[in-house]
Amino acid sequence: MEKSYKEYLQHITTFIFDVDGVLTDGTVAITTSGEMLRKMNIKDGYALKTAVDNGFNVCVISGGSNEGVRIRLRGLGITDIYLGAHNKIEQLEEYLDIYNIKAENVLYMGDDIPDVPVMKLVGLPCCPQDAAPEIKELSKYISHKKGGKGAVRDVIEQVLKVQDKWDGNFDAKYD
């Protein structure tokens, strides 16, 4: 019998996220100079900061290469940020090796075809509600929230609550 995704939550030590379509809604605004602007959800940011502050490993692996994304994530305390990653398996394996992390303890949230190889290797592959059908098929958990609209907060909050680390710490500082 297939395990419920909730049975995996207690063993998660590491969160890895894609950016476009997960931390953002997957749309870009393009300025007249060609700069591509993205929007990120503040509630997702709070959850990311809370995960970092509680000692979880948090990493971002994205095919995109917007330096504004790196600045935002660093501001939340995330130091492991792989941008311009077209073969996400290489970055995943490097990250797991550096920190001696077992793939079974990783929650990865992706939304589209480039995420497939990574999602096949981790313990808890997840996706936002509006992910591609192929990603939904691979996911052990599909958030009821869309990408850029709280899906990241949803999965982080569930893991932290199961592990008694979501304490409503309203004194946390986040942007």
N, C-alpha and C. Protein backbone atom coordinates (compact mmCIF):
# COMPACT_ATOMS: atom_id res chain seq x y z
N MET A 1 0.84 -1.19 0.00
CA MET A 1 0.00 0.00 0.00
C MET A 1 0.88 1.25 0.00
N GLU A 2 0.53 2.22 -0.83
CA GLU A 2 1.29 3.47 -0.95
C GLU A 2 1.15 4.29 0.34
N LYS A 3 2.26 4.83 0.82
CA LYS A 3 2.22 5.66 2.02
C LYS A 3 1.57 7.00 1.73
N SER A 4 0.87 7.52 2.71
CA SER A 4 0.33 8.87 2.62
C SER A 4 1.49 9.85 2.70
N TYR A 5 1.37 10.98 2.01
CA TYR A 5 2.45 11.97 2.05
C TYR A 5 2.73 12.41 3.48
N LYS A 6 1.74 12.39 4.36
CA LYS A 6 1.93 12.84 5.74
C LYS A 6 2.93 11.96 6.49
N GLU A 7 3.08 10.72 6.07
CA GLU A 7 4.03 9.82 6.71
C GLU A 7 5.48 10.22 6.42
N TYR A 8 5.69 11.03 5.40
CA TYR A 8 7.03 11.49 5.03
C TYR A 8 7.44 12.75 5.80
N LEU A 9 6.47 13.52 6.27
CA LEU A 9 6.74 14.85 6.82
C LEU A 9 7.69 14.84 8.02
N GLN A 10 7.57 13.84 8.87
CA GLN A 10 8.40 13.76 10.08
C GLN A 10 9.88 13.62 9.76
N HIS A 11 10.20 13.10 8.58
CA HIS A 11 11.59 12.79 8.23
C HIS A 11 12.23 13.83 7.30
N ILE A 12 11.52 14.89 7.00
CA ILE A 12 12.06 15.91 6.10
C ILE A 12 13.05 16.79 6.87
N THR A 13 14.24 16.92 6.31
CA THR A 13 15.27 17.80 6.89
C THR A 13 15.63 18.92 5.92
N THR A 14 15.18 18.75 4.68
CA THR A 14 15.65 19.61 3.60
C THR A 14 14.52 19.98 2.66
N PHE A 15 14.44 21.27 2.33
CA PHE A 15 13.49 21.76 1.35
C PHE A 15 14.26 22.26 0.13
N ILE A 16 13.85 21.83 -1.04
CA ILE A 16 14.44 22.34 -2.28
C ILE A 16 13.29 22.80 -3.17
N PHE A 17 13.43 24.01 -3.70
CA PHE A 17 12.36 24.59 -4.52
C PHE A 17 12.89 25.07 -5.86
N ASP A 18 12.04 24.93 -6.86
CA ASP A 18 12.19 25.61 -8.13
C ASP A 18 11.71 27.05 -7.90
N VAL A 19 11.98 27.95 -8.83
CA VAL A 19 11.52 29.34 -8.68
C VAL A 19 10.28 29.61 -9.51
N ASP A 20 10.44 29.66 -10.83
CA ASP A 20 9.33 30.05 -11.69
C ASP A 20 8.24 28.99 -11.68
N GLY A 21 7.04 29.39 -11.27
CA GLY A 21 5.92 28.47 -11.18
C GLY A 21 5.76 27.85 -9.80
N VAL A 22 6.74 28.05 -8.92
CA VAL A 22 6.68 27.55 -7.55
C VAL A 22 6.75 28.72 -6.57
N LEU A 23 7.90 29.42 -6.56
CA LEU A 23 8.02 30.63 -5.74
C LEU A 23 7.38 31.84 -6.41
N THR A 24 7.13 31.73 -7.71
CA THR A 24 6.41 32.78 -8.44
C THR A 24 5.22 32.11 -9.13
N ASP A 25 4.35 32.93 -9.70
CA ASP A 25 3.19 32.36 -10.39
C ASP A 25 3.53 31.95 -11.82
N GLY A 26 4.79 32.04 -12.19
CA GLY A 26 5.24 31.59 -13.50
C GLY A 26 5.10 32.63 -14.60
N THR A 27 4.64 33.82 -14.25
CA THR A 27 4.55 34.87 -15.25
C THR A 27 5.70 35.85 -15.05
N VAL A 28 6.07 36.54 -16.11
CA VAL A 28 7.09 37.58 -16.00
C VAL A 28 6.56 38.84 -16.66
N ALA A 29 6.89 39.96 -16.05
CA ALA A 29 6.63 41.26 -16.68
C ALA A 29 7.94 41.69 -17.32
N ILE A 30 7.88 42.08 -18.57
CA ILE A 30 9.09 42.44 -19.28
C ILE A 30 9.10 43.95 -19.50
N THR A 31 10.16 44.59 -18.98
CA THR A 31 10.28 46.04 -19.11
C THR A 31 10.74 46.39 -20.52
N THR A 32 10.68 47.67 -20.86
CA THR A 32 11.12 48.11 -22.19
C THR A 32 12.60 47.85 -22.42
N SER A 33 13.39 47.73 -21.33
CA SER A 33 14.81 47.43 -21.47
C SER A 33 15.07 45.92 -21.55
N GLY A 34 14.00 45.12 -21.45
CA GLY A 34 14.15 43.67 -21.55
C GLY A 34 14.30 42.96 -20.22
N GLU A 35 14.30 43.69 -19.12
CA GLU A 35 14.41 43.05 -17.81
C GLU A 35 13.12 42.29 -17.50
N MET A 36 13.27 41.08 -16.96
CA MET A 36 12.11 40.27 -16.62
C MET A 36 11.87 40.34 -15.12
N LEU A 37 10.69 40.81 -14.75
CA LEU A 37 10.34 40.99 -13.34
C LEU A 37 9.41 39.87 -12.88
N ARG A 38 9.65 39.38 -11.66
CA ARG A 38 8.84 38.31 -11.07
C ARG A 38 8.28 38.80 -9.74
N LYS A 39 7.17 38.20 -9.33
CA LYS A 39 6.58 38.49 -8.02
C LYS A 39 6.68 37.25 -7.15
N MET A 40 7.05 37.47 -5.87
CA MET A 40 7.08 36.38 -4.90
C MET A 40 6.13 36.70 -3.77
N ASN A 41 5.58 35.65 -3.17
CA ASN A 41 4.60 35.78 -2.12
C ASN A 41 5.29 36.00 -0.76
N ILE A 42 4.86 37.01 -0.04
CA ILE A 42 5.43 37.33 1.27
C ILE A 42 5.23 36.19 2.26
N LYS A 43 4.09 35.51 2.20
CA LYS A 43 3.83 34.39 3.12
C LYS A 43 4.77 33.22 2.82
N ASP A 44 5.09 32.99 1.55
CA ASP A 44 6.10 31.99 1.22
C ASP A 44 7.44 32.41 1.81
N GLY A 45 7.76 33.70 1.72
CA GLY A 45 9.01 34.21 2.28
C GLY A 45 9.11 34.00 3.77
N TYR A 46 8.01 34.25 4.48
CA TYR A 46 8.00 34.04 5.93
C TYR A 46 8.27 32.57 6.25
N ALA A 47 7.62 31.67 5.51
CA ALA A 47 7.81 30.24 5.75
C ALA A 47 9.25 29.81 5.46
N LEU A 48 9.82 30.32 4.38
CA LEU A 48 11.22 30.00 4.06
C LEU A 48 12.15 30.45 5.17
N LYS A 49 11.97 31.68 5.65
CA LYS A 49 12.79 32.22 6.73
C LYS A 49 12.62 31.39 8.00
N THR A 50 11.38 31.01 8.29
CA THR A 50 11.11 30.19 9.47
C THR A 50 11.79 28.83 9.37
N ALA A 51 11.77 28.23 8.18
CA ALA A 51 12.46 26.94 7.99
C ALA A 51 13.96 27.09 8.23
N VAL A 52 14.56 28.13 7.66
CA VAL A 52 15.99 28.39 7.86
C VAL A 52 16.28 28.59 9.35
N ASP A 53 15.47 29.41 10.00
CA ASP A 53 15.68 29.71 11.41
C ASP A 53 15.53 28.48 12.31
N ASN A 54 14.80 27.47 11.83
CA ASN A 54 14.60 26.24 12.59
C ASN A 54 15.60 25.15 12.21
N GLY A 55 16.63 25.51 11.44
CA GLY A 55 17.71 24.59 11.16
C GLY A 55 17.50 23.66 9.97
N PHE A 56 16.46 23.89 9.19
CA PHE A 56 16.27 23.08 8.00
C PHE A 56 17.24 23.52 6.91
N ASN A 57 17.62 22.60 6.08
CA ASN A 57 18.39 22.92 4.88
C ASN A 57 17.39 23.45 3.87
N VAL A 58 17.68 24.60 3.28
CA VAL A 58 16.80 25.16 2.25
C VAL A 58 17.66 25.53 1.06
N CYS A 59 17.25 25.06 -0.10
CA CYS A 59 18.00 25.25 -1.33
C CYS A 59 17.04 25.60 -2.45
N VAL A 60 17.52 26.36 -3.41
CA VAL A 60 16.74 26.69 -4.59
C VAL A 60 17.55 26.29 -5.81
N ILE A 61 16.90 25.56 -6.72
CA ILE A 61 17.51 25.16 -7.98
C ILE A 61 16.58 25.61 -9.09
N SER A 62 17.06 26.52 -9.93
CA SER A 62 16.21 27.10 -10.96
C SER A 62 16.95 27.21 -12.29
N GLY A 63 16.23 27.01 -13.35
CA GLY A 63 16.78 27.23 -14.68
C GLY A 63 16.93 28.71 -14.99
N GLY A 64 16.14 29.54 -14.31
CA GLY A 64 16.22 30.98 -14.51
C GLY A 64 17.50 31.55 -13.92
N SER A 65 17.86 32.76 -14.34
CA SER A 65 19.11 33.33 -13.85
C SER A 65 18.96 34.78 -13.42
N ASN A 66 17.79 35.16 -12.93
CA ASN A 66 17.54 36.52 -12.50
C ASN A 66 18.24 36.79 -11.16
N GLU A 67 19.16 37.74 -11.14
CA GLU A 67 19.91 38.03 -9.92
C GLU A 67 19.04 38.65 -8.83
N GLY A 68 17.93 39.27 -9.21
CA GLY A 68 16.99 39.78 -8.21
C GLY A 68 16.43 38.65 -7.36
N VAL A 69 16.25 37.49 -7.95
CA VAL A 69 15.78 36.31 -7.22
C VAL A 69 16.82 35.93 -6.16
N ARG A 70 18.10 35.93 -6.54
CA ARG A 70 19.16 35.59 -5.60
C ARG A 70 19.19 36.57 -4.42
N ILE A 71 19.04 37.84 -4.71
CA ILE A 71 19.05 38.87 -3.65
C ILE A 71 17.89 38.65 -2.68
N ARG A 72 16.71 38.40 -3.21
CA ARG A 72 15.53 38.15 -2.37
C ARG A 72 15.74 36.93 -1.48
N LEU A 73 16.22 35.84 -2.06
CA LEU A 73 16.39 34.60 -1.30
C LEU A 73 17.49 34.73 -0.25
N ARG A 74 18.57 35.40 -0.59
CA ARG A 74 19.64 35.63 0.40
C ARG A 74 19.11 36.46 1.57
N GLY A 75 18.23 37.39 1.28
CA GLY A 75 17.62 38.21 2.33
C GLY A 75 16.79 37.38 3.29
N LEU A 76 16.36 36.22 2.86
CA LEU A 76 15.59 35.30 3.71
C LEU A 76 16.49 34.30 4.43
N GLY A 77 17.80 34.40 4.20
CA GLY A 77 18.75 33.51 4.86
C GLY A 77 19.11 32.27 4.07
N ILE A 78 18.67 32.19 2.82
CA ILE A 78 18.98 31.04 1.98
C ILE A 78 20.32 31.30 1.30
N THR A 79 21.26 30.39 1.50
CA THR A 79 22.61 30.58 0.94
C THR A 79 22.88 29.65 -0.24
N ASP A 80 22.13 28.56 -0.34
CA ASP A 80 22.35 27.59 -1.41
C ASP A 80 21.35 27.85 -2.53
N ILE A 81 21.81 28.62 -3.51
CA ILE A 81 20.95 29.08 -4.60
C ILE A 81 21.65 28.76 -5.91
N TYR A 82 21.06 27.86 -6.67
CA TYR A 82 21.61 27.48 -7.97
C TYR A 82 20.71 28.07 -9.05
N LEU A 83 21.18 29.12 -9.72
CA LEU A 83 20.44 29.73 -10.82
C LEU A 83 21.09 29.33 -12.14
N GLY A 84 20.31 29.35 -13.21
CA GLY A 84 20.83 28.94 -14.52
C GLY A 84 21.12 27.45 -14.58
N ALA A 85 20.41 26.68 -13.76
CA ALA A 85 20.62 25.24 -13.67
C ALA A 85 19.77 24.53 -14.72
N HIS A 86 20.39 24.11 -15.79
CA HIS A 86 19.63 23.44 -16.84
C HIS A 86 19.63 21.93 -16.68
N ASN A 87 20.56 21.41 -15.89
CA ASN A 87 20.55 20.00 -15.52
C ASN A 87 20.47 19.96 -14.00
N LYS A 88 19.26 19.96 -13.49
CA LYS A 88 19.05 20.09 -12.05
C LYS A 88 19.59 18.92 -11.25
N ILE A 89 19.74 17.77 -11.88
CA ILE A 89 20.30 16.60 -11.18
C ILE A 89 21.72 16.89 -10.69
N GLU A 90 22.52 17.55 -11.51
CA GLU A 90 23.90 17.88 -11.11
C GLU A 90 23.91 18.73 -9.84
N GLN A 91 23.07 19.75 -9.81
CA GLN A 91 23.02 20.62 -8.64
C GLN A 91 22.47 19.88 -7.42
N LEU A 92 21.46 19.05 -7.64
CA LEU A 92 20.90 18.27 -6.54
C LEU A 92 21.98 17.37 -5.94
N GLU A 93 22.66 16.61 -6.78
CA GLU A 93 23.68 15.68 -6.28
C GLU A 93 24.81 16.42 -5.57
N GLU A 94 25.24 17.55 -6.12
CA GLU A 94 26.28 18.35 -5.48
C GLU A 94 25.82 18.83 -4.10
N TYR A 95 24.62 19.35 -4.03
CA TYR A 95 24.07 19.88 -2.77
C TYR A 95 23.96 18.76 -1.72
N LEU A 96 23.40 17.62 -2.11
CA LEU A 96 23.25 16.51 -1.17
C LEU A 96 24.60 16.03 -0.68
N ASP A 97 25.59 16.01 -1.57
CA ASP A 97 26.94 15.55 -1.21
C ASP A 97 27.62 16.53 -0.25
N ILE A 98 27.52 17.82 -0.54
CA ILE A 98 28.16 18.84 0.30
C ILE A 98 27.67 18.75 1.75
N TYR A 99 26.36 18.58 1.92
CA TYR A 99 25.77 18.59 3.26
C TYR A 99 25.46 17.20 3.80
N ASN A 100 25.88 16.16 3.07
CA ASN A 100 25.64 14.78 3.50
C ASN A 100 24.16 14.54 3.81
N ILE A 101 23.32 14.90 2.85
CA ILE A 101 21.87 14.77 2.99
C ILE A 101 21.41 13.54 2.22
N LYS A 102 20.52 12.77 2.81
CA LYS A 102 19.92 11.63 2.12
C LYS A 102 18.74 12.12 1.31
N ALA A 103 18.64 11.66 0.08
CA ALA A 103 17.55 12.07 -0.81
C ALA A 103 16.18 11.78 -0.21
N GLU A 104 16.09 10.74 0.60
CA GLU A 104 14.80 10.37 1.20
C GLU A 104 14.31 11.43 2.21
N ASN A 105 15.21 12.30 2.67
CA ASN A 105 14.84 13.35 3.63
C ASN A 105 14.56 14.69 2.97
N VAL A 106 14.46 14.68 1.64
CA VAL A 106 14.28 15.91 0.87
C VAL A 106 12.84 16.04 0.38
N LEU A 107 12.27 17.24 0.60
CA LEU A 107 11.02 17.64 -0.03
C LEU A 107 11.42 18.57 -1.16
N TYR A 108 11.02 18.21 -2.38
CA TYR A 108 11.29 19.05 -3.55
C TYR A 108 9.97 19.47 -4.15
N MET A 109 9.83 20.77 -4.41
CA MET A 109 8.63 21.26 -5.08
C MET A 109 9.01 21.83 -6.44
N GLY A 110 8.42 21.23 -7.48
CA GLY A 110 8.60 21.70 -8.84
C GLY A 110 7.26 21.81 -9.53
N ASP A 111 7.28 22.35 -10.75
CA ASP A 111 6.00 22.57 -11.43
C ASP A 111 5.99 22.17 -12.90
N ASP A 112 7.16 21.86 -13.48
CA ASP A 112 7.17 21.60 -14.91
C ASP A 112 8.24 20.57 -15.28
N ILE A 113 8.28 20.21 -16.53
CA ILE A 113 9.09 19.11 -17.05
C ILE A 113 10.56 19.13 -16.59
N PRO A 114 11.25 20.29 -16.53
CA PRO A 114 12.65 20.25 -16.07
C PRO A 114 12.83 19.72 -14.65
N ASP A 115 11.74 19.66 -13.88
CA ASP A 115 11.82 19.17 -12.50
C ASP A 115 11.68 17.66 -12.38
N VAL A 116 11.26 16.99 -13.45
CA VAL A 116 11.00 15.54 -13.41
C VAL A 116 12.18 14.73 -12.88
N PRO A 117 13.40 14.88 -13.42
CA PRO A 117 14.50 14.02 -12.95
C PRO A 117 14.76 14.16 -11.44
N VAL A 118 14.70 15.37 -10.93
CA VAL A 118 14.94 15.60 -9.50
C VAL A 118 13.80 14.99 -8.68
N MET A 119 12.58 15.18 -9.13
CA MET A 119 11.43 14.68 -8.37
C MET A 119 11.43 13.16 -8.26
N LYS A 120 12.03 12.49 -9.23
CA LYS A 120 12.10 11.02 -9.19
C LYS A 120 13.10 10.52 -8.15
N LEU A 121 13.98 11.40 -7.68
CA LEU A 121 15.04 10.98 -6.75
C LEU A 121 14.77 11.29 -5.28
N VAL A 122 13.90 12.25 -5.00
CA VAL A 122 13.73 12.71 -3.62
C VAL A 122 12.64 11.94 -2.88
N GLY A 123 12.65 12.06 -1.56
CA GLY A 123 11.69 11.36 -0.72
C GLY A 123 10.27 11.87 -0.86
N LEU A 124 10.11 13.19 -0.98
CA LEU A 124 8.77 13.76 -1.04
C LEU A 124 8.66 14.79 -2.17
N PRO A 125 8.38 14.31 -3.39
CA PRO A 125 8.15 15.24 -4.50
C PRO A 125 6.77 15.89 -4.36
N CYS A 126 6.74 17.20 -4.50
CA CYS A 126 5.50 17.96 -4.33
C CYS A 126 5.35 18.94 -5.49
N CYS A 127 4.15 19.49 -5.61
CA CYS A 127 3.95 20.51 -6.64
C CYS A 127 2.79 21.43 -6.25
N PRO A 128 2.76 22.61 -6.86
CA PRO A 128 1.62 23.50 -6.68
C PRO A 128 0.40 22.96 -7.43
N GLN A 129 -0.77 23.47 -7.11
CA GLN A 129 -2.01 23.05 -7.74
C GLN A 129 -1.99 23.20 -9.26
N ASP A 130 -1.30 24.22 -9.75
CA ASP A 130 -1.32 24.51 -11.18
C ASP A 130 -0.10 23.97 -11.94
N ALA A 131 0.52 22.93 -11.40
CA ALA A 131 1.68 22.31 -12.06
C ALA A 131 1.24 21.55 -13.31
N ALA A 132 2.21 21.24 -14.16
CA ALA A 132 1.96 20.45 -15.36
C ALA A 132 1.45 19.06 -14.97
N PRO A 133 0.61 18.46 -15.80
CA PRO A 133 0.05 17.14 -15.49
C PRO A 133 1.11 16.08 -15.19
N GLU A 134 2.23 16.10 -15.91
CA GLU A 134 3.29 15.12 -15.68
C GLU A 134 3.88 15.26 -14.28
N ILE A 135 3.93 16.48 -13.79
CA ILE A 135 4.47 16.74 -12.45
C ILE A 135 3.48 16.29 -11.38
N LYS A 136 2.21 16.57 -11.62
CA LYS A 136 1.18 16.13 -10.67
C LYS A 136 1.20 14.60 -10.53
N GLU A 137 1.42 13.93 -11.64
CA GLU A 137 1.45 12.46 -11.63
C GLU A 137 2.60 11.93 -10.77
N LEU A 138 3.74 12.64 -10.76
CA LEU A 138 4.92 12.22 -9.98
C LEU A 138 4.84 12.63 -8.51
N SER A 139 4.00 13.58 -8.20
CA SER A 139 3.99 14.18 -6.86
C SER A 139 3.28 13.29 -5.85
N LYS A 140 3.89 13.20 -4.67
CA LYS A 140 3.24 12.52 -3.55
C LYS A 140 2.30 13.47 -2.82
N TYR A 141 2.49 14.79 -3.07
CA TYR A 141 1.58 15.79 -2.51
C TYR A 141 1.41 16.91 -3.52
N ILE A 142 0.16 17.26 -3.77
CA ILE A 142 -0.18 18.40 -4.62
C ILE A 142 -0.84 19.44 -3.72
N SER A 143 -0.19 20.59 -3.58
CA SER A 143 -0.73 21.65 -2.74
C SER A 143 -2.07 22.13 -3.28
N HIS A 144 -2.91 22.59 -2.39
CA HIS A 144 -4.18 23.21 -2.82
C HIS A 144 -3.95 24.65 -3.25
N LYS A 145 -2.71 25.13 -3.10
CA LYS A 145 -2.34 26.50 -3.50
C LYS A 145 -1.59 26.46 -4.83
N LYS A 146 -1.70 27.54 -5.58
CA LYS A 146 -0.99 27.67 -6.84
C LYS A 146 0.43 28.19 -6.61
N GLY A 147 1.28 28.02 -7.62
CA GLY A 147 2.64 28.54 -7.56
C GLY A 147 2.62 30.05 -7.38
N GLY A 148 3.46 30.56 -6.47
CA GLY A 148 3.52 31.99 -6.20
C GLY A 148 2.36 32.49 -5.37
N LYS A 149 1.47 31.60 -4.97
CA LYS A 149 0.26 31.97 -4.23
C LYS A 149 0.14 31.22 -2.91
N GLY A 150 1.28 30.80 -2.35
CA GLY A 150 1.26 30.16 -1.04
C GLY A 150 1.55 28.67 -1.03
N ALA A 151 1.89 28.07 -2.18
CA ALA A 151 2.19 26.63 -2.21
C ALA A 151 3.42 26.29 -1.37
N VAL A 152 4.43 27.16 -1.40
CA VAL A 152 5.65 26.94 -0.62
C VAL A 152 5.33 27.03 0.87
N ARG A 153 4.57 28.02 1.26
CA ARG A 153 4.14 28.17 2.66
C ARG A 153 3.39 26.92 3.10
N ASP A 154 2.50 26.43 2.24
CA ASP A 154 1.69 25.25 2.56
C ASP A 154 2.57 24.07 2.95
N VAL A 155 3.56 23.72 2.12
CA VAL A 155 4.36 22.52 2.42
C VAL A 155 5.30 22.74 3.60
N ILE A 156 5.89 23.92 3.70
CA ILE A 156 6.79 24.18 4.83
C ILE A 156 6.01 24.16 6.14
N GLU A 157 4.88 24.81 6.15
CA GLU A 157 4.08 24.86 7.38
C GLU A 157 3.65 23.45 7.81
N GLN A 158 3.26 22.61 6.87
CA GLN A 158 2.87 21.24 7.23
C GLN A 158 4.02 20.48 7.87
N VAL A 159 5.21 20.57 7.28
CA VAL A 159 6.37 19.86 7.83
C VAL A 159 6.71 20.40 9.21
N LEU A 160 6.78 21.70 9.35
CA LEU A 160 7.14 22.29 10.64
C LEU A 160 6.11 21.98 11.71
N LYS A 161 4.85 21.97 11.38
CA LYS A 161 3.82 21.63 12.37
C LYS A 161 3.95 20.19 12.83
N VAL A 162 4.16 19.26 11.90
CA VAL A 162 4.32 17.85 12.26
C VAL A 162 5.54 17.66 13.17
N GLN A 163 6.58 18.45 12.93
CA GLN A 163 7.81 18.34 13.72
C GLN A 163 7.82 19.30 14.93
N ASP A 164 6.69 19.88 15.25
CA ASP A 164 6.55 20.82 16.38
C ASP A 164 7.53 21.98 16.31
N LYS A 165 7.73 22.52 15.10
CA LYS A 165 8.65 23.64 14.92
C LYS A 165 7.94 24.87 14.36
N TRP A 166 6.63 24.79 14.20
CA TRP A 166 5.84 25.94 13.73
C TRP A 166 5.16 26.50 14.97
N ASP A 167 5.78 27.53 15.54
CA ASP A 167 5.29 28.02 16.83
C ASP A 167 4.63 29.38 16.76
N GLY A 168 4.38 29.86 15.57
CA GLY A 168 3.78 31.19 15.48
C GLY A 168 4.71 32.25 16.04
N ASN A 169 6.00 32.11 15.78
CA ASN A 169 7.00 33.05 16.28
C ASN A 169 6.83 34.39 15.56
N PHE A 170 6.02 35.23 16.14
CA PHE A 170 5.68 36.49 15.49
C PHE A 170 6.77 37.54 15.62
N ASP A 171 7.84 37.22 16.33
CA ASP A 171 8.94 38.16 16.46
C ASP A 171 9.97 37.98 15.34
N ALA A 172 9.78 36.95 14.50
CA ALA A 172 10.73 36.69 13.41
C ALA A 172 10.75 37.88 12.47
N LYS A 173 11.92 38.18 12.00
CA LYS A 173 12.06 39.31 11.05
C LYS A 173 12.15 38.75 9.64
N TYR A 174 11.33 39.28 8.78
CA TYR A 174 11.36 38.87 7.39
C TYR A 174 10.94 40.05 6.52
N ASP A 175 11.24 39.96 5.25
CA ASP A 175 10.90 41.02 4.31
C ASP A 175 9.80 40.56 3.40
